[in-house]
Amino acid sequence: MSVATPSTPSPLLPPSPKWPRIVQVVAFTVFRPRVTARVVRSIGPTFTMFLPLQGTVVVLTDPVLIRQVFHAPTTEIEVPTPSLDLMFGPGSTFGLSGAEHKRRRKLLVPPFHGKRMRAYESLVTSETRNEIATWPEGTEFPVLPATMRITLNVILRAVFGAEGEELDELREFMPRWVELGSKLFAVPALQRDWGAWSPWSRHLAYRRRFDRIVGSLIEKALADPNFEERDDILSLFLRARYDDGEPMSHREIGDELATLLAAGHETTATTLAWTLERLRRHPDVLTNLVADIDAGNDSWLQATIQETLRTRPVIDGVVRRVTADSFSLGPWVLPRGQGIFISASAAQQDPTRFDRPELFDPRRYLEATPDPLSWIPFGGGTRRCIGAAFANMELMVALRLVLQEFRLETTSSPGEGRRFRGIAYAPSRGGHIEVRRNPT
């Protein structure tokens, strides 16, 4: 007597725009947020696109289906490999999956929450104050380079505990490494060593330099008589222990520090630049925000940051891949290996979730917290950014100080477009602003 075995359902993918593949590749790579919105209007919230090196990818903009993917077990859905671990190393959370990822994440989350955040506020204040003291008055300038310097200095001191020579050296070469890494991630063909002057060879040289500095910082931290009281994140990682009592290896710590710097520095700086760019073009929001800050409140400040992250997400989306034999997603059936692109920009512009989503209106968050189904600038599920609370604190402190020190001049000029930097979407002109110092 034979025993019937369950059969794997036949794949059933969402529809695709009737464009030639080369058009899909160029459109989705170069004009992704705009193209995604157009396809959603013409086809619906779930569709397929052909992408270079990935083939046919299912694009999700429906918050309900996005939640299903974010919360699926790793036996069914996982981050594709290799991913950003190419840049940060196999010992980073980007290079781990399943139980190993869960084990590491449990170790990394505590330093980024609660009282730890308040300990870093004075550091953010100091670095912001130092930077804005150099800002010119009465003339437009791109603010993104300035916000990059603020977040770089904050993360080097808060995360690395770096001072002196190490701080100077990291400050000098890390921006170049992060910029190179963004390009390498965006162009997989460059992820090979073609010789001493190839981009990948330069990346490896930067990594060796980074590892040497991290090794020096670890030695100094462990030799510090007050090591147990140090609150920099490097020291917290050194003191952290897994459930079995084992510490992280120094290589794993180096990979995590590289991840925190590259993933947290540029994204936070870009969000701050976007916020100032948006405020210049919304004088009513700016007036309410300044009045609320002057009254000692944070409601408008928090809501403005949340609305910036909704309307101008720095990371447009994240990629997942089916690891089960098949995965049922709403009415669709995705086969093993199927790529999935979760579009944050489209989900956060869903008119069924947001009233007049095209408007920059922080009022929508004054009385309600963001819906985790449709507000996903930090990702979701077990892969949600562990530095989200740190980034929010940094944005709150820096923006508050800028608006206390300066009057931000508004403008009627069109808003800046989005420029793709390899990973992040930044203001196309660098976020031009004009300020005048407030009377003391």
Protein backbone atom coordinates (compact mmCIF):
# COMPACT_ATOMS: atom_id res chain seq x y z
CA MET A 1 0.00 0.00 0.00
CA SER A 2 1.53 3.27 -1.03
CA VAL A 3 1.42 6.35 1.16
CA ALA A 4 0.56 9.62 -0.52
CA THR A 5 2.99 12.45 0.12
CA PRO A 6 1.92 16.07 0.08
CA SER A 7 2.91 17.81 -3.11
CA THR A 8 4.46 21.25 -3.27
CA PRO A 9 1.98 23.80 -4.64
CA SER A 10 2.77 25.12 -8.08
CA PRO A 11 4.34 28.60 -8.08
CA LEU A 12 1.95 31.47 -8.65
CA LEU A 13 3.66 34.85 -8.92
CA PRO A 14 2.05 38.31 -8.99
CA PRO A 15 1.75 40.09 -12.38
CA SER A 16 4.60 42.06 -13.87
CA PRO A 17 4.61 45.30 -15.90
CA LYS A 18 4.74 44.59 -19.63
CA TRP A 19 8.12 46.24 -20.07
CA PRO A 20 11.24 44.75 -21.65
CA ARG A 21 13.61 43.35 -19.05
CA ILE A 22 16.26 45.98 -19.69
CA VAL A 23 13.66 48.70 -19.06
CA GLN A 24 12.65 47.03 -15.78
CA VAL A 25 16.27 46.80 -14.68
CA VAL A 26 17.07 50.45 -15.43
CA ALA A 27 13.78 51.79 -14.08
CA PHE A 28 13.88 49.89 -10.81
CA THR A 29 17.59 50.50 -10.23
CA VAL A 30 17.70 54.21 -11.02
CA PHE A 31 14.17 55.48 -10.29
CA ARG A 32 12.98 52.90 -7.76
CA PRO A 33 10.62 54.93 -5.50
CA ARG A 34 8.93 56.68 -8.44
CA VAL A 35 8.69 53.52 -10.55
CA THR A 36 7.34 51.46 -7.64
CA ALA A 37 4.57 53.99 -7.04
CA ARG A 38 3.67 53.98 -10.75
CA VAL A 39 3.47 50.18 -10.94
CA VAL A 40 1.36 50.03 -7.77
CA ARG A 41 -1.15 52.42 -9.38
CA SER A 42 -1.32 50.39 -12.59
CA ILE A 43 -1.05 46.78 -11.36
CA GLY A 44 -1.64 46.70 -7.62
CA PRO A 45 0.33 46.54 -4.35
CA THR A 46 2.12 43.26 -5.16
CA PHE A 47 3.96 42.67 -8.43
CA THR A 48 7.11 41.17 -9.93
CA MET A 49 10.09 42.90 -11.53
CA PHE A 50 13.20 41.61 -13.23
CA LEU A 51 16.39 42.79 -11.50
CA PRO A 52 20.06 42.33 -12.40
CA LEU A 53 21.73 39.32 -10.74
CA GLN A 54 18.53 38.50 -8.83
CA GLY A 55 16.16 37.60 -11.64
CA THR A 56 12.44 37.93 -11.02
CA VAL A 57 11.74 39.52 -7.65
CA VAL A 58 8.36 39.87 -5.96
CA VAL A 59 7.87 43.47 -4.81
CA LEU A 60 5.71 43.98 -1.71
CA THR A 61 4.01 47.23 -0.74
CA ASP A 62 0.97 45.76 1.07
CA PRO A 63 1.57 46.17 4.85
CA VAL A 64 -0.31 42.96 5.69
CA LEU A 65 1.86 40.86 3.38
CA ILE A 66 4.98 42.70 4.55
CA ARG A 67 4.16 41.77 8.13
CA GLN A 68 3.73 38.13 7.07
CA VAL A 69 7.21 38.09 5.54
CA PHE A 70 8.86 39.95 8.44
CA HIS A 71 7.44 37.50 10.97
CA ALA A 72 7.91 34.29 9.01
CA PRO A 73 10.31 31.76 10.60
CA THR A 74 13.78 31.54 9.10
CA THR A 75 12.93 28.03 7.88
CA GLU A 76 10.61 29.79 5.41
CA ILE A 77 12.05 33.29 4.81
CA GLU A 78 15.60 34.56 5.33
CA VAL A 79 17.97 37.29 4.25
CA PRO A 80 19.75 36.21 1.04
CA THR A 81 23.45 35.44 1.25
CA PRO A 82 25.86 36.89 0.61
CA SER A 83 24.38 40.22 1.71
CA LEU A 84 25.89 43.21 3.49
CA ASP A 85 28.18 40.77 5.28
CA LEU A 86 30.37 41.12 2.18
CA MET A 87 31.21 44.58 3.49
CA PHE A 88 31.00 44.09 7.24
CA GLY A 89 32.37 40.57 7.60
CA PRO A 90 30.81 37.14 8.26
CA GLY A 91 30.85 37.78 12.01
CA SER A 92 28.31 40.61 11.81
CA THR A 93 24.58 40.17 12.30
CA PHE A 94 24.17 40.59 8.52
CA GLY A 95 26.19 37.42 8.00
CA LEU A 96 24.27 35.28 10.51
CA SER A 97 20.96 33.50 10.15
CA GLY A 98 18.59 31.35 12.15
CA ALA A 99 19.56 30.47 15.70
CA GLU A 100 22.98 32.13 15.40
CA HIS A 101 21.41 35.44 14.40
CA LYS A 102 18.90 35.25 17.26
CA ARG A 103 21.69 34.43 19.74
CA ARG A 104 23.83 37.37 18.60
CA ARG A 105 20.91 39.81 18.47
CA LYS A 106 20.00 39.00 22.06
CA LEU A 107 23.52 40.05 23.01
CA LEU A 108 23.54 43.28 20.99
CA VAL A 109 20.15 44.84 21.76
CA PRO A 110 20.62 45.88 25.45
CA PRO A 111 23.32 48.56 24.86
CA PHE A 112 20.94 50.46 22.57
CA HIS A 113 18.00 50.92 24.90
CA GLY A 114 16.89 52.53 28.14
CA LYS A 115 19.33 54.41 30.32
CA ARG A 116 22.17 53.75 27.91
CA MET A 117 20.63 56.21 25.42
CA ARG A 118 20.47 59.04 27.95
CA ALA A 119 24.16 58.55 28.68
CA TYR A 120 24.99 59.50 25.08
CA GLU A 121 22.81 62.61 24.81
CA SER A 122 25.51 64.94 26.11
CA LEU A 123 27.94 63.52 23.55
CA VAL A 124 25.50 64.24 20.70
CA THR A 125 24.96 67.75 22.06
CA SER A 126 28.70 68.42 22.21
CA GLU A 127 29.42 67.19 18.68
CA THR A 128 26.42 69.03 17.22
CA ARG A 129 27.36 72.26 18.96
CA ASN A 130 30.95 72.00 17.68
CA GLU A 131 29.78 71.50 14.10
CA ILE A 132 27.06 74.16 13.91
CA ALA A 133 29.41 76.79 15.35
CA THR A 134 31.02 76.87 11.89
CA TRP A 135 27.80 77.28 9.88
CA PRO A 136 27.61 80.41 7.70
CA GLU A 137 24.70 82.81 8.18
CA GLY A 138 22.55 84.25 5.42
CA THR A 139 23.82 82.05 2.61
CA GLU A 140 22.66 78.66 1.37
CA PHE A 141 24.89 75.65 1.86
CA PRO A 142 24.44 71.86 1.62
CA VAL A 143 23.93 70.54 5.13
CA LEU A 144 24.59 66.84 4.42
CA PRO A 145 28.40 67.08 4.79
CA ALA A 146 27.88 68.75 8.19
CA THR A 147 25.40 66.15 9.41
CA MET A 148 27.79 63.44 8.21
CA ARG A 149 30.53 64.91 10.40
CA ILE A 150 28.21 65.09 13.40
CA THR A 151 27.06 61.48 13.20
CA LEU A 152 30.54 60.19 12.38
CA ASN A 153 32.07 61.86 15.44
CA VAL A 154 29.20 60.70 17.65
CA ILE A 155 29.46 57.09 16.58
CA LEU A 156 33.26 57.02 16.80
CA ARG A 157 33.16 58.25 20.37
CA ALA A 158 30.00 56.53 21.61
CA VAL A 159 30.49 53.20 19.89
CA PHE A 160 34.27 52.90 19.66
CA GLY A 161 35.25 54.88 22.72
CA ALA A 162 37.87 56.38 20.42
CA GLU A 163 40.00 59.35 21.42
CA GLY A 164 43.37 60.76 20.37
CA GLU A 165 45.22 59.11 17.51
CA GLU A 166 42.64 56.39 16.93
CA LEU A 167 39.81 58.92 16.74
CA ASP A 168 41.77 61.08 14.28
CA GLU A 169 42.68 58.14 12.08
CA LEU A 170 39.16 56.71 12.00
CA ARG A 171 37.72 60.14 11.31
CA GLU A 172 40.13 60.54 8.40
CA PHE A 173 39.55 57.31 6.48
CA MET A 174 36.15 55.94 7.56
CA PRO A 175 34.09 58.29 5.32
CA ARG A 176 36.09 57.14 2.30
CA TRP A 177 35.62 53.48 3.26
CA VAL A 178 31.86 53.91 3.81
CA GLU A 179 31.48 55.68 0.44
CA LEU A 180 33.48 52.96 -1.31
CA GLY A 181 31.47 50.26 0.45
CA SER A 182 28.19 51.76 -0.76
CA LYS A 183 29.39 51.61 -4.35
CA LEU A 184 30.68 48.06 -3.99
CA PHE A 185 27.36 46.91 -2.54
CA ALA A 186 25.44 48.53 -5.40
CA VAL A 187 27.69 47.01 -8.12
CA PRO A 188 28.37 43.31 -7.41
CA ALA A 189 30.78 43.11 -10.36
CA LEU A 190 33.21 45.22 -8.32
CA GLN A 191 33.23 42.70 -5.46
CA ARG A 192 36.31 40.93 -6.82
CA ASP A 193 39.99 41.64 -6.38
CA TRP A 194 41.22 42.76 -9.81
CA GLY A 195 44.59 43.88 -8.53
CA ALA A 196 46.23 46.34 -6.16
CA TRP A 197 44.27 49.36 -7.45
CA SER A 198 40.89 47.70 -7.81
CA PRO A 199 38.00 48.90 -5.59
CA TRP A 200 37.81 45.55 -3.80
CA SER A 201 41.52 45.58 -3.05
CA ARG A 202 41.16 49.07 -1.58
CA HIS A 203 38.22 47.83 0.50
CA LEU A 204 40.34 45.01 1.91
CA ALA A 205 43.13 47.46 2.72
CA TYR A 206 40.68 49.69 4.57
CA ARG A 207 39.41 46.66 6.48
CA ARG A 208 42.92 45.69 7.57
CA ARG A 209 43.50 49.25 8.74
CA PHE A 210 40.19 49.22 10.60
CA ASP A 211 41.00 45.88 12.28
CA ARG A 212 44.35 47.21 13.45
CA ILE A 213 42.73 50.24 15.08
CA VAL A 214 39.97 48.16 16.66
CA GLY A 215 42.60 45.80 18.05
CA SER A 216 44.39 48.76 19.63
CA LEU A 217 41.13 50.10 21.09
CA ILE A 218 40.30 46.68 22.55
CA GLU A 219 43.72 46.44 24.20
CA LYS A 220 43.31 49.93 25.70
CA ALA A 221 39.81 49.18 26.94
CA LEU A 222 40.82 45.91 28.61
CA ALA A 223 43.84 47.59 30.22
CA ASP A 224 41.71 50.44 31.61
CA PRO A 225 41.45 50.15 35.45
CA ASN A 226 37.88 51.44 35.06
CA PHE A 227 36.97 48.97 32.32
CA GLU A 228 33.88 47.70 34.17
CA GLU A 229 32.48 51.25 34.36
CA ARG A 230 33.15 52.23 30.73
CA ASP A 231 29.94 52.90 28.80
CA ASP A 232 31.18 52.96 25.20
CA ILE A 233 29.55 50.21 23.14
CA LEU A 234 32.91 48.54 22.38
CA SER A 235 33.40 47.95 26.11
CA LEU A 236 29.81 46.77 26.52
CA PHE A 237 30.42 44.23 23.76
CA LEU A 238 33.63 43.09 25.44
CA ARG A 239 31.76 42.52 28.72
CA ALA A 240 28.73 40.86 27.10
CA ARG A 241 28.25 37.11 27.46
CA TYR A 242 26.07 34.61 25.65
CA ASP A 243 23.74 32.41 27.70
CA ASP A 244 26.48 29.77 27.94
CA GLY A 245 28.92 32.32 29.37
CA GLU A 246 31.01 32.65 26.21
CA PRO A 247 32.13 36.14 25.06
CA MET A 248 32.08 37.46 21.52
CA SER A 249 35.39 36.99 19.72
CA HIS A 250 37.40 40.09 18.91
CA ARG A 251 36.80 39.45 15.19
CA GLU A 252 33.04 39.31 15.78
CA ILE A 253 33.22 42.56 17.74
CA GLY A 254 35.16 44.18 14.90
CA ASP A 255 32.53 43.04 12.37
CA GLU A 256 29.72 44.42 14.53
CA LEU A 257 31.50 47.75 15.03
CA ALA A 258 32.03 48.07 11.26
CA THR A 259 28.32 47.35 10.79
CA LEU A 260 27.24 49.94 13.35
CA LEU A 261 29.47 52.61 11.86
CA ALA A 262 28.61 52.04 8.19
CA ALA A 263 24.91 51.34 8.72
CA GLY A 264 24.29 53.93 11.41
CA HIS A 265 26.46 56.88 10.44
CA GLU A 266 25.27 57.68 6.91
CA THR A 267 21.60 56.80 7.43
CA THR A 268 21.17 59.05 10.48
CA ALA A 269 23.06 61.92 8.86
CA THR A 270 20.92 61.66 5.73
CA THR A 271 17.68 61.61 7.73
CA LEU A 272 18.75 64.77 9.58
CA ALA A 273 19.52 66.49 6.26
CA TRP A 274 16.15 65.40 4.86
CA THR A 275 14.35 66.75 7.95
CA LEU A 276 15.89 70.21 7.52
CA GLU A 277 15.16 70.12 3.78
CA ARG A 278 11.49 69.29 4.50
CA LEU A 279 11.12 71.95 7.20
CA ARG A 280 12.36 74.71 4.88
CA ARG A 281 9.44 73.96 2.56
CA HIS A 282 6.78 73.65 5.27
CA PRO A 283 6.82 76.91 7.27
CA ASP A 284 3.65 76.00 9.20
CA VAL A 285 5.29 72.80 10.47
CA LEU A 286 8.48 74.71 11.30
CA THR A 287 6.56 77.35 13.28
CA ASN A 288 4.72 74.76 15.36
CA LEU A 289 7.89 72.75 15.90
CA VAL A 290 9.94 75.73 17.11
CA ALA A 291 7.13 76.89 19.41
CA ASP A 292 6.88 73.40 20.91
CA ILE A 293 10.65 73.19 21.45
CA ASP A 294 10.66 76.66 23.06
CA ALA A 295 7.93 75.44 25.42
CA GLY A 296 10.14 72.55 26.49
CA ASN A 297 8.13 69.86 24.71
CA ASP A 298 9.15 67.06 22.36
CA SER A 299 5.82 66.11 20.75
CA TRP A 300 6.32 68.01 17.49
CA LEU A 301 10.00 67.09 17.42
CA GLN A 302 9.30 63.36 17.58
CA ALA A 303 6.39 63.59 15.14
CA THR A 304 8.46 65.57 12.63
CA ILE A 305 11.23 62.97 12.64
CA GLN A 306 8.70 60.15 12.23
CA GLU A 307 7.04 61.96 9.31
CA THR A 308 10.41 62.55 7.65
CA LEU A 309 11.21 58.86 7.94
CA ARG A 310 7.81 58.08 6.41
CA THR A 311 8.02 60.48 3.46
CA ARG A 312 11.77 60.30 2.83
CA PRO A 313 12.97 56.85 3.95
CA VAL A 314 16.74 56.69 3.56
CA ILE A 315 16.70 52.94 2.91
CA ASP A 316 14.06 52.32 0.26
CA GLY A 317 13.51 48.68 1.14
CA VAL A 318 14.96 45.34 2.17
CA VAL A 319 15.39 41.98 0.44
CA ARG A 320 14.34 38.53 1.62
CA ARG A 321 14.44 35.08 0.02
CA VAL A 322 12.20 32.00 0.32
CA THR A 323 14.01 29.14 2.06
CA ALA A 324 11.08 26.69 2.26
CA ASP A 325 9.97 24.50 -0.65
CA SER A 326 7.21 27.06 -1.19
CA PHE A 327 5.75 30.03 0.66
CA SER A 328 2.09 31.09 0.50
CA LEU A 329 1.84 34.87 0.48
CA GLY A 330 -1.75 36.05 0.26
CA PRO A 331 -3.08 34.59 -3.02
CA TRP A 332 0.42 33.93 -4.34
CA VAL A 333 2.69 30.90 -4.00
CA LEU A 334 6.43 31.64 -4.09
CA PRO A 335 8.92 28.85 -4.88
CA ARG A 336 12.14 28.10 -3.00
CA GLY A 337 14.79 30.70 -3.75
CA GLN A 338 12.30 33.36 -4.80
CA GLY A 339 13.54 36.86 -4.03
CA ILE A 340 11.26 39.36 -2.28
CA PHE A 341 11.75 43.13 -2.18
CA ILE A 342 9.86 44.92 0.61
CA SER A 343 9.33 48.53 -0.45
CA ALA A 344 9.32 50.90 2.53
CA SER A 345 8.72 53.96 0.36
CA ALA A 346 5.58 52.51 -1.26
CA ALA A 347 4.18 51.00 1.95
CA GLN A 348 4.54 54.35 3.67
CA GLN A 349 2.65 56.09 0.85
CA ASP A 350 -0.33 53.72 0.95
CA PRO A 351 -3.51 55.87 0.73
CA THR A 352 -5.51 53.17 2.52
CA ARG A 353 -3.25 53.62 5.55
CA PHE A 354 -2.50 57.35 5.38
CA ASP A 355 -4.81 60.26 4.71
CA ARG A 356 -3.28 62.27 1.85
CA PRO A 357 0.04 60.38 2.09
CA GLU A 358 1.82 62.78 -0.28
CA LEU A 359 1.65 65.55 2.33
CA PHE A 360 4.40 66.20 4.87
CA ASP A 361 2.20 66.41 7.96
CA PRO A 362 3.66 65.50 11.37
CA ARG A 363 0.22 66.02 12.93
CA ARG A 364 -0.61 62.45 11.98
CA TYR A 365 1.83 61.31 14.70
CA LEU A 366 0.98 63.83 17.44
CA GLU A 367 -1.76 61.65 18.90
CA ALA A 368 -0.77 58.23 17.61
CA THR A 369 2.40 56.19 17.40
CA PRO A 370 3.44 54.87 13.97
CA ASP A 371 1.68 51.70 12.86
CA PRO A 372 4.36 48.97 12.62
CA LEU A 373 2.45 47.48 9.69
CA SER A 374 2.92 50.53 7.50
CA TRP A 375 5.78 52.55 9.06
CA ILE A 376 8.93 50.50 8.42
CA PRO A 377 11.96 52.78 7.90
CA PHE A 378 13.98 50.54 10.25
CA GLY A 379 12.76 47.26 8.79
CA GLY A 380 10.80 44.79 10.87
CA GLY A 381 10.69 41.43 12.57
CA THR A 382 13.85 39.83 13.87
CA ARG A 383 15.94 41.90 11.42
CA ARG A 384 14.69 45.30 12.59
CA CYS A 385 17.60 47.73 13.00
CA ILE A 386 19.04 47.37 16.51
CA GLY A 387 20.28 50.97 16.37
CA ALA A 388 16.81 52.48 15.81
CA ALA A 389 16.55 53.90 19.34
CA PHE A 390 20.08 55.32 19.14
CA ALA A 391 19.34 56.96 15.77
CA ASN A 392 16.10 58.45 17.08
CA MET A 393 17.85 59.89 20.12
CA GLU A 394 20.59 61.37 17.96
CA LEU A 395 18.07 62.97 15.59
CA MET A 396 16.03 64.40 18.45
CA VAL A 397 19.02 65.95 20.22
CA ALA A 398 20.69 67.34 17.08
CA LEU A 399 17.53 68.80 15.51
CA ARG A 400 16.45 70.40 18.79
CA LEU A 401 19.83 72.09 19.19
CA VAL A 402 19.91 73.34 15.58
CA LEU A 403 16.48 74.97 15.94
CA GLN A 404 17.36 76.47 19.31
CA GLU A 405 20.54 78.04 17.94
CA PHE A 406 19.29 79.13 14.51
CA ARG A 407 16.30 80.44 12.62
CA LEU A 408 15.88 78.19 9.61
CA GLU A 409 14.98 80.28 6.58
CA THR A 410 12.09 78.86 4.55
CA THR A 411 11.88 78.71 0.78
CA SER A 412 9.28 78.31 -1.96
CA SER A 413 11.71 76.48 -4.26
CA PRO A 414 10.81 72.91 -5.28
CA GLY A 415 11.85 70.14 -2.94
CA GLU A 416 15.08 68.33 -3.68
CA GLY A 417 14.95 65.06 -5.54
CA ARG A 418 16.37 61.79 -4.29
CA ARG A 419 19.92 60.79 -5.15
CA PHE A 420 20.93 57.14 -4.75
CA ARG A 421 24.30 56.81 -2.98
CA GLY A 422 24.63 53.03 -3.26
CA ILE A 423 22.61 52.18 -0.14
CA ALA A 424 20.94 55.38 1.01
CA TYR A 425 18.72 57.88 -0.79
CA ALA A 426 19.92 61.42 0.00
CA PRO A 427 18.73 64.90 -1.02
CA SER A 428 19.93 65.46 -4.57
CA ARG A 429 21.68 68.77 -3.73
CA GLY A 430 22.86 67.72 -0.29
CA GLY A 431 19.96 69.36 1.57
CA HIS A 432 20.55 73.08 0.99
CA ILE A 433 19.63 75.24 3.97
CA GLU A 434 20.00 78.87 5.02
CA VAL A 435 20.21 79.85 8.69
CA ARG A 436 20.55 82.90 10.89
CA ARG A 437 21.68 82.69 14.48
CA ASN A 438 19.03 83.39 17.09
CA PRO A 439 19.73 86.31 19.45
CA THR A 440 21.05 85.14 22.81
